[in-house]
Amino acid sequence: MKKLIDNLVLLFIFTGFWLILNESLALSQILVGLFFSSVALFFTNRYLLENDYQRAYGIKPEVLFRYAIYLFFQIYRSGFFAILKILKSEDTVKIIEYETCIHSDLGICLLANAITLTPGTVTLGKNGRQLKILAFADEKSFTDIAEGKSCSPYEMILRSLDR
């Protein structure tokens, strides 16, 4: 019964997302959204996931909120610093090998996406817990952390995903 309720919630979330993307509340769009949402859920549950959705992608709302707020401010802060570096011609880059202190695959992927969304850094690759990051040459947050073996603020937020 719990799995059915979880799947119905996901079905309505995906259908709502479909309706937002199509910018229409017509009955035909609702039915098409329900169809594609149910096909996507069936295919994902049957062939792609080893565990159920909640176990694989369960994020507490407060963790998601803290992550989103921190990411939002970091994007703007880093954006202004990146603009200044480019204007001053301090735009040389380096590649950093960084081992994250996060163990969950979802947390590592969220960290890699946050790094890529933050101006001045790009995640080039992921191999287990090892991330390859392209960053400005004077970038300190990941190199200082890698030498001291402490976690970045992103990781401190996402560590709660480790189970």
N, C-alpha and C. Protein backbone atom coordinates (compact mmCIF):
# COMPACT_ATOMS: atom_id res chain seq x y z
N MET A 1 0.83 -1.20 0.00
CA MET A 1 0.00 0.00 0.00
C MET A 1 0.87 1.27 0.00
N LYS A 2 1.96 1.25 0.80
CA LYS A 2 2.85 2.41 0.86
C LYS A 2 3.50 2.66 -0.49
N LYS A 3 3.92 1.58 -1.17
CA LYS A 3 4.55 1.72 -2.48
C LYS A 3 3.56 2.32 -3.49
N LEU A 4 2.29 1.90 -3.41
CA LEU A 4 1.26 2.44 -4.30
C LEU A 4 1.07 3.93 -4.06
N ILE A 5 1.02 4.33 -2.80
CA ILE A 5 0.84 5.75 -2.47
C ILE A 5 2.05 6.55 -2.95
N ASP A 6 3.27 6.02 -2.72
CA ASP A 6 4.48 6.70 -3.18
C ASP A 6 4.47 6.86 -4.70
N ASN A 7 4.06 5.81 -5.41
CA ASN A 7 4.01 5.89 -6.88
C ASN A 7 2.95 6.87 -7.36
N LEU A 8 1.82 6.94 -6.66
CA LEU A 8 0.78 7.91 -7.04
C LEU A 8 1.27 9.34 -6.82
N VAL A 9 1.97 9.57 -5.73
CA VAL A 9 2.53 10.90 -5.47
C VAL A 9 3.50 11.27 -6.59
N LEU A 10 4.40 10.35 -6.94
CA LEU A 10 5.35 10.61 -8.02
C LEU A 10 4.63 10.83 -9.35
N LEU A 11 3.58 10.06 -9.59
CA LEU A 11 2.80 10.20 -10.82
C LEU A 11 2.23 11.62 -10.93
N PHE A 12 1.68 12.13 -9.83
CA PHE A 12 1.12 13.48 -9.86
C PHE A 12 2.21 14.55 -9.96
N ILE A 13 3.35 14.33 -9.32
CA ILE A 13 4.46 15.28 -9.44
C ILE A 13 4.94 15.34 -10.89
N PHE A 14 5.16 14.18 -11.50
CA PHE A 14 5.63 14.14 -12.89
C PHE A 14 4.59 14.73 -13.85
N THR A 15 3.32 14.44 -13.60
CA THR A 15 2.27 15.01 -14.44
C THR A 15 2.22 16.53 -14.28
N GLY A 16 2.36 17.01 -13.06
CA GLY A 16 2.42 18.45 -12.84
C GLY A 16 3.59 19.09 -13.56
N PHE A 17 4.73 18.42 -13.54
CA PHE A 17 5.90 18.91 -14.26
C PHE A 17 5.61 18.95 -15.76
N TRP A 18 4.95 17.92 -16.28
CA TRP A 18 4.57 17.87 -17.69
C TRP A 18 3.66 19.05 -18.04
N LEU A 19 2.70 19.33 -17.18
CA LEU A 19 1.76 20.42 -17.45
C LEU A 19 2.47 21.78 -17.41
N ILE A 20 3.42 21.93 -16.51
CA ILE A 20 4.18 23.18 -16.45
C ILE A 20 5.00 23.37 -17.73
N LEU A 21 5.66 22.30 -18.17
CA LEU A 21 6.47 22.40 -19.39
C LEU A 21 5.62 22.70 -20.62
N ASN A 22 4.40 22.17 -20.66
CA ASN A 22 3.53 22.39 -21.81
C ASN A 22 2.67 23.63 -21.67
N GLU A 23 2.70 24.25 -20.51
CA GLU A 23 1.94 25.48 -20.25
C GLU A 23 0.47 25.36 -20.63
N SER A 24 -0.12 24.23 -20.24
CA SER A 24 -1.51 23.99 -20.59
C SER A 24 -2.16 23.11 -19.53
N LEU A 25 -3.40 23.41 -19.21
CA LEU A 25 -4.17 22.59 -18.30
C LEU A 25 -5.32 21.89 -19.01
N ALA A 26 -5.21 21.74 -20.32
CA ALA A 26 -6.25 21.08 -21.10
C ALA A 26 -6.33 19.61 -20.69
N LEU A 27 -7.52 19.05 -20.80
CA LEU A 27 -7.74 17.65 -20.44
C LEU A 27 -6.82 16.72 -21.23
N SER A 28 -6.61 17.04 -22.50
CA SER A 28 -5.74 16.20 -23.32
C SER A 28 -4.30 16.21 -22.78
N GLN A 29 -3.83 17.37 -22.34
CA GLN A 29 -2.48 17.46 -21.78
C GLN A 29 -2.38 16.71 -20.45
N ILE A 30 -3.41 16.78 -19.65
CA ILE A 30 -3.42 16.04 -18.38
C ILE A 30 -3.35 14.54 -18.65
N LEU A 31 -4.14 14.06 -19.61
CA LEU A 31 -4.14 12.63 -19.93
C LEU A 31 -2.80 12.19 -20.52
N VAL A 32 -2.25 12.99 -21.40
CA VAL A 32 -0.94 12.67 -21.98
C VAL A 32 0.13 12.68 -20.89
N GLY A 33 0.06 13.66 -19.99
CA GLY A 33 1.01 13.73 -18.88
C GLY A 33 0.91 12.52 -17.97
N LEU A 34 -0.31 12.11 -17.66
CA LEU A 34 -0.50 10.90 -16.84
C LEU A 34 0.05 9.67 -17.54
N PHE A 35 -0.18 9.57 -18.85
CA PHE A 35 0.33 8.42 -19.61
C PHE A 35 1.86 8.37 -19.59
N PHE A 36 2.50 9.48 -19.97
CA PHE A 36 3.97 9.48 -20.01
C PHE A 36 4.58 9.33 -18.61
N SER A 37 3.93 9.89 -17.61
CA SER A 37 4.42 9.74 -16.24
C SER A 37 4.36 8.29 -15.79
N SER A 38 3.26 7.62 -16.10
CA SER A 38 3.14 6.22 -15.69
C SER A 38 4.11 5.33 -16.47
N VAL A 39 4.32 5.61 -17.76
CA VAL A 39 5.30 4.85 -18.53
C VAL A 39 6.71 5.07 -17.97
N ALA A 40 7.04 6.32 -17.65
CA ALA A 40 8.37 6.62 -17.10
C ALA A 40 8.57 5.94 -15.75
N LEU A 41 7.55 5.97 -14.89
CA LEU A 41 7.65 5.31 -13.59
C LEU A 41 7.80 3.80 -13.74
N PHE A 42 7.00 3.21 -14.62
CA PHE A 42 7.08 1.76 -14.83
C PHE A 42 8.46 1.37 -15.35
N PHE A 43 8.94 2.07 -16.37
CA PHE A 43 10.24 1.75 -16.96
C PHE A 43 11.37 1.93 -15.94
N THR A 44 11.31 3.02 -15.19
CA THR A 44 12.36 3.29 -14.20
C THR A 44 12.34 2.25 -13.09
N ASN A 45 11.16 1.96 -12.55
CA ASN A 45 11.07 0.97 -11.47
C ASN A 45 11.44 -0.43 -11.95
N ARG A 46 11.08 -0.74 -13.16
CA ARG A 46 11.30 -2.10 -13.67
C ARG A 46 12.74 -2.34 -14.13
N TYR A 47 13.34 -1.36 -14.81
CA TYR A 47 14.62 -1.61 -15.47
C TYR A 47 15.81 -0.80 -14.94
N LEU A 48 15.59 0.33 -14.33
CA LEU A 48 16.70 1.20 -13.97
C LEU A 48 17.08 1.19 -12.50
N LEU A 49 16.11 1.09 -11.61
CA LEU A 49 16.39 1.19 -10.18
C LEU A 49 16.56 -0.18 -9.54
N GLU A 50 17.57 -0.28 -8.68
CA GLU A 50 17.72 -1.49 -7.89
C GLU A 50 16.84 -1.43 -6.65
N ASN A 51 16.68 -0.25 -6.08
CA ASN A 51 15.81 -0.02 -4.92
C ASN A 51 14.61 0.79 -5.37
N ASP A 52 13.69 1.07 -4.45
CA ASP A 52 12.56 1.91 -4.82
C ASP A 52 12.98 3.38 -4.85
N TYR A 53 12.11 4.22 -5.42
CA TYR A 53 12.41 5.64 -5.60
C TYR A 53 12.76 6.32 -4.28
N GLN A 54 11.95 6.08 -3.26
CA GLN A 54 12.17 6.77 -1.99
C GLN A 54 13.53 6.43 -1.40
N ARG A 55 13.94 5.19 -1.52
CA ARG A 55 15.21 4.77 -0.96
C ARG A 55 16.37 5.33 -1.78
N ALA A 56 16.22 5.35 -3.10
CA ALA A 56 17.30 5.80 -3.97
C ALA A 56 17.42 7.32 -4.01
N TYR A 57 16.30 8.03 -4.01
CA TYR A 57 16.32 9.48 -4.20
C TYR A 57 15.66 10.26 -3.07
N GLY A 58 15.52 9.65 -1.92
CA GLY A 58 14.87 10.33 -0.81
C GLY A 58 15.74 11.42 -0.22
N ILE A 59 15.27 12.64 -0.26
CA ILE A 59 15.98 13.78 0.33
C ILE A 59 15.01 14.46 1.28
N LYS A 60 15.48 14.70 2.49
CA LYS A 60 14.65 15.41 3.45
C LYS A 60 14.43 16.84 2.95
N PRO A 61 13.23 17.36 3.09
CA PRO A 61 12.96 18.72 2.59
C PRO A 61 13.88 19.78 3.18
N GLU A 62 14.23 19.65 4.47
CA GLU A 62 15.11 20.67 5.07
C GLU A 62 16.52 20.61 4.48
N VAL A 63 16.99 19.42 4.12
CA VAL A 63 18.30 19.29 3.48
C VAL A 63 18.25 19.91 2.09
N LEU A 64 17.20 19.61 1.35
CA LEU A 64 17.03 20.17 0.01
C LEU A 64 16.93 21.69 0.06
N PHE A 65 16.22 22.21 1.04
CA PHE A 65 16.07 23.66 1.19
C PHE A 65 17.43 24.31 1.50
N ARG A 66 18.17 23.76 2.47
CA ARG A 66 19.48 24.31 2.82
C ARG A 66 20.43 24.25 1.63
N TYR A 67 20.41 23.13 0.91
CA TYR A 67 21.26 22.95 -0.26
C TYR A 67 20.92 24.00 -1.33
N ALA A 68 19.63 24.18 -1.61
CA ALA A 68 19.20 25.12 -2.65
C ALA A 68 19.55 26.56 -2.28
N ILE A 69 19.34 26.93 -1.03
CA ILE A 69 19.67 28.30 -0.59
C ILE A 69 21.17 28.53 -0.67
N TYR A 70 21.97 27.58 -0.17
CA TYR A 70 23.42 27.74 -0.21
C TYR A 70 23.91 27.80 -1.66
N LEU A 71 23.37 26.94 -2.52
CA LEU A 71 23.76 26.92 -3.93
C LEU A 71 23.41 28.25 -4.60
N PHE A 72 22.23 28.78 -4.33
CA PHE A 72 21.79 30.04 -4.91
C PHE A 72 22.77 31.17 -4.57
N PHE A 73 23.13 31.29 -3.30
CA PHE A 73 24.05 32.35 -2.90
C PHE A 73 25.46 32.11 -3.45
N GLN A 74 25.90 30.86 -3.51
CA GLN A 74 27.22 30.57 -4.05
C GLN A 74 27.31 30.90 -5.54
N ILE A 75 26.23 30.66 -6.27
CA ILE A 75 26.22 30.96 -7.70
C ILE A 75 26.43 32.46 -7.91
N TYR A 76 25.70 33.28 -7.16
CA TYR A 76 25.85 34.73 -7.32
C TYR A 76 27.20 35.22 -6.81
N ARG A 77 27.64 34.74 -5.67
CA ARG A 77 28.93 35.14 -5.11
C ARG A 77 30.06 34.77 -6.07
N SER A 78 30.07 33.54 -6.52
CA SER A 78 31.13 33.09 -7.43
C SER A 78 31.04 33.78 -8.78
N GLY A 79 29.84 34.12 -9.20
CA GLY A 79 29.67 34.83 -10.47
C GLY A 79 30.36 36.18 -10.46
N PHE A 80 30.18 36.92 -9.37
CA PHE A 80 30.84 38.23 -9.27
C PHE A 80 32.36 38.08 -9.20
N PHE A 81 32.84 37.09 -8.45
CA PHE A 81 34.29 36.86 -8.39
C PHE A 81 34.84 36.44 -9.75
N ALA A 82 34.09 35.62 -10.48
CA ALA A 82 34.54 35.17 -11.81
C ALA A 82 34.61 36.36 -12.77
N ILE A 83 33.63 37.24 -12.71
CA ILE A 83 33.65 38.43 -13.57
C ILE A 83 34.88 39.28 -13.27
N LEU A 84 35.17 39.49 -11.99
CA LEU A 84 36.35 40.28 -11.61
C LEU A 84 37.64 39.62 -12.10
N LYS A 85 37.74 38.31 -11.97
CA LYS A 85 38.95 37.61 -12.42
C LYS A 85 39.12 37.73 -13.93
N ILE A 86 38.04 37.62 -14.65
CA ILE A 86 38.12 37.73 -16.11
C ILE A 86 38.50 39.15 -16.52
N LEU A 87 37.90 40.15 -15.87
CA LEU A 87 38.23 41.54 -16.19
C LEU A 87 39.68 41.89 -15.86
N LYS A 88 40.24 41.26 -14.83
CA LYS A 88 41.64 41.50 -14.44
C LYS A 88 42.60 40.56 -15.18
N SER A 89 42.11 39.77 -16.10
CA SER A 89 42.91 38.79 -16.85
C SER A 89 43.59 37.77 -15.94
N GLU A 90 42.93 37.40 -14.86
CA GLU A 90 43.42 36.36 -13.96
C GLU A 90 42.64 35.07 -14.21
N ASP A 91 42.48 34.73 -15.48
CA ASP A 91 41.59 33.65 -15.83
C ASP A 91 42.31 32.34 -16.17
N THR A 92 43.51 32.12 -15.65
CA THR A 92 44.16 30.83 -15.87
C THR A 92 43.47 29.78 -15.01
N VAL A 93 43.47 28.56 -15.51
CA VAL A 93 42.74 27.49 -14.83
C VAL A 93 43.68 26.33 -14.49
N LYS A 94 43.20 25.47 -13.62
CA LYS A 94 43.92 24.25 -13.26
C LYS A 94 42.90 23.14 -13.06
N ILE A 95 43.39 21.91 -13.07
CA ILE A 95 42.55 20.74 -12.82
C ILE A 95 42.89 20.20 -11.45
N ILE A 96 41.86 20.00 -10.64
CA ILE A 96 42.02 19.53 -9.26
C ILE A 96 41.46 18.12 -9.17
N GLU A 97 42.20 17.21 -8.57
CA GLU A 97 41.68 15.88 -8.21
C GLU A 97 41.18 15.99 -6.78
N TYR A 98 39.90 15.75 -6.57
CA TYR A 98 39.30 15.97 -5.26
C TYR A 98 38.53 14.74 -4.83
N GLU A 99 38.84 14.23 -3.63
CA GLU A 99 38.08 13.10 -3.08
C GLU A 99 37.07 13.64 -2.08
N THR A 100 35.81 13.39 -2.35
CA THR A 100 34.75 13.91 -1.51
C THR A 100 34.58 13.05 -0.26
N CYS A 101 34.03 13.65 0.79
CA CYS A 101 33.77 12.88 2.01
C CYS A 101 32.34 12.34 2.02
N ILE A 102 31.61 12.52 0.93
CA ILE A 102 30.25 11.98 0.79
C ILE A 102 30.34 10.56 0.27
N HIS A 103 29.49 9.67 0.79
CA HIS A 103 29.53 8.27 0.36
C HIS A 103 28.35 7.89 -0.54
N SER A 104 27.23 8.59 -0.45
CA SER A 104 26.07 8.23 -1.27
C SER A 104 26.25 8.74 -2.70
N ASP A 105 25.83 7.94 -3.64
CA ASP A 105 25.96 8.31 -5.05
C ASP A 105 25.13 9.55 -5.38
N LEU A 106 23.94 9.64 -4.81
CA LEU A 106 23.09 10.82 -5.04
C LEU A 106 23.77 12.08 -4.51
N GLY A 107 24.36 12.01 -3.32
CA GLY A 107 25.05 13.16 -2.75
C GLY A 107 26.24 13.59 -3.59
N ILE A 108 27.00 12.62 -4.11
CA ILE A 108 28.15 12.94 -4.95
C ILE A 108 27.70 13.60 -6.25
N CYS A 109 26.61 13.11 -6.83
CA CYS A 109 26.09 13.71 -8.06
C CYS A 109 25.56 15.13 -7.81
N LEU A 110 24.90 15.34 -6.68
CA LEU A 110 24.44 16.69 -6.34
C LEU A 110 25.61 17.63 -6.12
N LEU A 111 26.68 17.13 -5.49
CA LEU A 111 27.88 17.94 -5.31
C LEU A 111 28.51 18.29 -6.66
N ALA A 112 28.61 17.30 -7.55
CA ALA A 112 29.19 17.55 -8.88
C ALA A 112 28.35 18.57 -9.65
N ASN A 113 27.03 18.47 -9.56
CA ASN A 113 26.16 19.45 -10.22
C ASN A 113 26.32 20.83 -9.61
N ALA A 114 26.45 20.92 -8.29
CA ALA A 114 26.64 22.21 -7.64
C ALA A 114 27.96 22.85 -8.08
N ILE A 115 29.00 22.04 -8.20
CA ILE A 115 30.29 22.56 -8.65
C ILE A 115 30.16 23.10 -10.07
N THR A 116 29.46 22.38 -10.93
CA THR A 116 29.30 22.80 -12.32
C THR A 116 28.43 24.06 -12.41
N LEU A 117 27.41 24.17 -11.58
CA LEU A 117 26.54 25.35 -11.61
C LEU A 117 27.21 26.60 -11.05
N THR A 118 28.23 26.43 -10.24
CA THR A 118 28.93 27.56 -9.64
C THR A 118 29.92 28.13 -10.65
N PRO A 119 29.81 29.41 -11.00
CA PRO A 119 30.73 30.00 -11.98
C PRO A 119 32.19 29.88 -11.53
N GLY A 120 33.05 29.54 -12.48
CA GLY A 120 34.47 29.40 -12.20
C GLY A 120 34.91 27.98 -11.92
N THR A 121 33.97 27.06 -11.80
CA THR A 121 34.31 25.65 -11.58
C THR A 121 33.45 24.77 -12.45
N VAL A 122 34.04 23.68 -12.94
CA VAL A 122 33.31 22.70 -13.75
C VAL A 122 33.77 21.32 -13.33
N THR A 123 32.83 20.41 -13.12
CA THR A 123 33.18 19.03 -12.84
C THR A 123 33.45 18.34 -14.16
N LEU A 124 34.67 17.84 -14.33
CA LEU A 124 35.05 17.18 -15.58
C LEU A 124 34.76 15.69 -15.55
N GLY A 125 34.85 15.08 -14.39
CA GLY A 125 34.63 13.65 -14.31
C GLY A 125 34.39 13.18 -12.89
N LYS A 126 33.82 11.98 -12.79
CA LYS A 126 33.52 11.38 -11.50
C LYS A 126 33.92 9.91 -11.58
N ASN A 127 34.72 9.47 -10.63
CA ASN A 127 35.10 8.07 -10.54
C ASN A 127 34.99 7.66 -9.08
N GLY A 128 33.86 7.07 -8.73
CA GLY A 128 33.61 6.75 -7.33
C GLY A 128 33.45 8.03 -6.53
N ARG A 129 34.30 8.20 -5.52
CA ARG A 129 34.26 9.42 -4.71
C ARG A 129 35.25 10.47 -5.20
N GLN A 130 35.95 10.18 -6.27
CA GLN A 130 36.97 11.08 -6.82
C GLN A 130 36.34 11.97 -7.89
N LEU A 131 36.48 13.28 -7.73
CA LEU A 131 35.98 14.24 -8.71
C LEU A 131 37.15 14.96 -9.36
N LYS A 132 37.06 15.16 -10.66
CA LYS A 132 38.05 15.95 -11.38
C LYS A 132 37.39 17.29 -11.68
N ILE A 133 37.99 18.38 -11.17
CA ILE A 133 37.37 19.70 -11.23
C ILE A 133 38.28 20.67 -11.97
N LEU A 134 37.72 21.40 -12.92
CA LEU A 134 38.41 22.49 -13.59
C LEU A 134 38.05 23.77 -12.85
N ALA A 135 39.06 24.52 -12.39
CA ALA A 135 38.80 25.73 -11.60
C ALA A 135 39.85 26.78 -11.91
N PHE A 136 39.57 28.01 -11.49
CA PHE A 136 40.57 29.06 -11.62
C PHE A 136 41.83 28.66 -10.84
N ALA A 137 42.99 29.10 -11.33
CA ALA A 137 44.27 28.69 -10.74
C ALA A 137 44.40 29.13 -9.28
N ASP A 138 43.79 30.26 -8.92
CA ASP A 138 43.91 30.73 -7.53
C ASP A 138 42.75 30.26 -6.65
N GLU A 139 41.97 29.32 -7.13
CA GLU A 139 40.84 28.78 -6.39
C GLU A 139 41.37 28.00 -5.18
N LYS A 140 40.85 28.31 -3.99
CA LYS A 140 41.39 27.73 -2.77
C LYS A 140 40.45 26.74 -2.09
N SER A 141 39.16 26.83 -2.30
CA SER A 141 38.25 26.04 -1.48
C SER A 141 38.48 24.54 -1.62
N PHE A 142 38.71 24.04 -2.83
CA PHE A 142 38.90 22.60 -2.98
C PHE A 142 40.33 22.17 -2.71
N THR A 143 41.31 23.00 -3.04
CA THR A 143 42.70 22.61 -2.77
C THR A 143 43.00 22.66 -1.28
N ASP A 144 42.51 23.66 -0.57
CA ASP A 144 42.71 23.71 0.88
C ASP A 144 42.01 22.55 1.57
N ILE A 145 40.82 22.22 1.10
CA ILE A 145 40.08 21.12 1.69
C ILE A 145 40.79 19.80 1.42
N ALA A 146 41.28 19.62 0.19
CA ALA A 146 41.95 18.37 -0.17
C ALA A 146 43.20 18.16 0.68
N GLU A 147 43.92 19.22 0.99
CA GLU A 147 45.13 19.09 1.80
C GLU A 147 44.78 18.84 3.27
N GLY A 148 43.73 19.47 3.76
CA GLY A 148 43.35 19.33 5.16
C GLY A 148 42.39 18.19 5.43
N LYS A 149 41.86 17.57 4.40
CA LYS A 149 40.93 16.45 4.50
C LYS A 149 39.67 16.80 5.31
N SER A 150 39.18 18.02 5.18
CA SER A 150 37.90 18.37 5.78
C SER A 150 36.88 18.47 4.65
N CYS A 151 35.64 18.63 5.01
CA CYS A 151 34.57 18.67 4.01
C CYS A 151 34.22 20.11 3.65
N SER A 152 33.83 20.32 2.39
CA SER A 152 33.38 21.64 1.95
C SER A 152 31.99 21.91 2.54
N PRO A 153 31.55 23.17 2.54
CA PRO A 153 30.20 23.46 3.04
C PRO A 153 29.11 22.71 2.27
N TYR A 154 29.28 22.52 0.96
CA TYR A 154 28.32 21.72 0.19
C TYR A 154 28.24 20.32 0.78
N GLU A 155 29.41 19.74 1.04
CA GLU A 155 29.44 18.37 1.54
C GLU A 155 28.84 18.26 2.93
N MET A 156 29.04 19.27 3.75
CA MET A 156 28.46 19.24 5.10
C MET A 156 26.94 19.19 5.02
N ILE A 157 26.37 19.88 4.05
CA ILE A 157 24.92 19.84 3.87
C ILE A 157 24.49 18.48 3.33
N LEU A 158 25.22 17.96 2.34
CA LEU A 158 24.83 16.72 1.66
C LEU A 158 25.21 15.45 2.40
N ARG A 159 26.01 15.55 3.45
CA ARG A 159 26.41 14.35 4.19
C ARG A 159 25.24 13.65 4.84
N SER A 160 24.15 14.35 5.08
CA SER A 160 22.98 13.71 5.69
C SER A 160 22.35 12.70 4.74
N LEU A 161 22.73 12.72 3.45
CA LEU A 161 22.21 11.72 2.51
C LEU A 161 22.90 10.37 2.68
N ASP A 162 24.07 10.35 3.33
CA ASP A 162 24.76 9.09 3.60
C ASP A 162 23.95 8.30 4.61
N ARG A 163 23.72 7.05 4.29
CA ARG A 163 22.92 6.22 5.21
C ARG A 163 23.70 5.03 5.65
